[in-house]
Protein backbone atom coordinates (compact mmCIF):
# COMPACT_ATOMS: atom_id res chain seq x y z
CA UNK A 1 54.62 56.29 33.05
CA UNK A 2 51.20 57.42 34.16
CA UNK A 3 49.95 55.54 37.21
CA UNK A 4 46.27 55.51 38.06
CA UNK A 5 44.05 53.61 40.44
CA UNK A 6 40.70 51.93 39.94
CA UNK A 7 38.81 54.62 41.86
CA UNK A 8 36.36 57.09 40.44
CA UNK A 9 38.70 60.00 41.19
CA UNK A 10 41.27 59.26 38.53
CA UNK A 11 40.23 56.48 36.18
CA UNK A 12 37.61 56.58 33.49
CA UNK A 13 37.11 54.97 30.11
CA UNK A 14 38.07 58.25 28.41
CA UNK A 15 41.45 58.32 30.21
CA UNK A 16 42.09 54.67 29.41
CA UNK A 17 41.27 55.31 25.72
CA UNK A 18 43.54 58.37 25.67
CA UNK A 19 46.38 56.36 27.23
CA UNK A 20 46.04 53.54 24.72
CA UNK A 21 46.13 55.95 21.77
CA UNK A 22 48.55 58.65 22.95
CA UNK A 23 51.20 57.09 25.18
CA UNK A 24 52.68 54.22 23.12
CA UNK A 25 53.76 56.58 20.32
CA UNK A 26 55.66 58.68 22.85
CA UNK A 27 57.55 55.83 24.47
CA UNK A 28 55.31 55.92 27.54
CA UNK A 29 52.94 53.47 29.14
CA UNK A 30 50.08 53.55 31.60
CA UNK A 31 49.67 51.33 34.61
CA UNK A 32 46.48 50.67 36.55
CA UNK A 33 47.24 49.72 40.12
CA UNK A 34 45.20 46.91 41.54
CA UNK A 35 42.32 47.73 43.82
CA UNK A 36 42.88 47.48 47.56
CA UNK A 37 46.57 48.39 47.36
CA UNK A 38 46.83 52.13 48.03
CA UNK A 39 50.38 51.82 49.33
CA UNK A 40 51.63 51.11 45.81
CA UNK A 41 51.68 54.89 45.58
CA UNK A 42 51.34 56.19 49.12
CA UNK A 43 52.38 59.76 48.26
CA UNK A 44 49.56 60.19 45.74
CA UNK A 45 47.00 58.58 48.04
CA UNK A 46 48.10 60.89 50.87
CA UNK A 47 48.00 63.95 48.60
CA UNK A 48 44.52 63.05 47.30
CA UNK A 49 43.22 62.62 50.85
CA UNK A 50 44.69 65.91 52.03
CA UNK A 51 43.42 67.76 48.98
CA UNK A 52 39.93 66.36 49.54
CA UNK A 53 39.93 67.16 53.27
CA UNK A 54 41.78 70.48 53.32
CA UNK A 55 40.78 72.07 50.00
CA UNK A 56 37.76 70.52 48.31
CA UNK A 57 35.64 70.04 51.45
CA UNK A 58 36.50 73.52 52.78
CA UNK A 59 36.32 75.75 49.70
CA UNK A 60 33.35 77.05 47.74
CA UNK A 61 34.82 77.84 44.32
CA UNK A 62 33.37 80.88 42.58
CA UNK A 63 34.40 79.77 39.08
CA UNK A 64 36.94 77.63 37.24
CA UNK A 65 39.68 80.26 37.48
CA UNK A 66 39.23 80.45 41.25
CA UNK A 67 39.38 76.63 41.52
CA UNK A 68 42.58 76.54 39.46
CA UNK A 69 44.25 79.28 41.51
CA UNK A 70 43.35 77.62 44.82
CA UNK A 71 44.44 74.17 43.58
CA UNK A 72 47.83 75.42 42.38
CA UNK A 73 48.37 77.26 45.66
CA UNK A 74 47.45 74.15 47.67
CA UNK A 75 49.75 71.89 45.64
CA UNK A 76 52.62 74.37 46.02
CA UNK A 77 52.18 74.49 49.79
CA UNK A 78 52.19 70.68 50.01
CA UNK A 79 55.35 70.43 47.89
CA UNK A 80 57.13 73.10 49.97
CA UNK A 81 56.18 71.27 53.18
CA UNK A 82 57.36 67.92 51.73
CA UNK A 83 60.67 69.44 50.61
CA UNK A 84 61.16 70.95 54.07
CA UNK A 85 60.61 67.54 55.69
CA UNK A 86 63.12 65.95 53.31
CA UNK A 87 65.77 68.55 54.20
CA UNK A 88 65.19 67.96 57.93
CA UNK A 89 65.37 64.18 57.48
CA UNK A 90 68.68 64.48 55.58
CA UNK A 91 70.17 66.63 58.35
CA UNK A 92 69.12 64.15 61.04
CA UNK A 93 70.50 61.08 59.28
């Protein structure tokens, strides 16, 4: 399942067309979450906010390769931090 919101960041007519053509044949579906309900997927909303604040607003990308390298590095750091928090939470409970 591919979940998207109604915002300009993730949803466009091209993506909706692609979903309607590509996903059903693969046993997948798309879901548009209703506007005004960001907590339907709090992790993604949090990630998007952090990426905007900590990477996109702070970095002047030299080219597409530089943007890709920085984005992958940022996402890896966030996932490592999240996994660390999960391990700590499991030890505490």
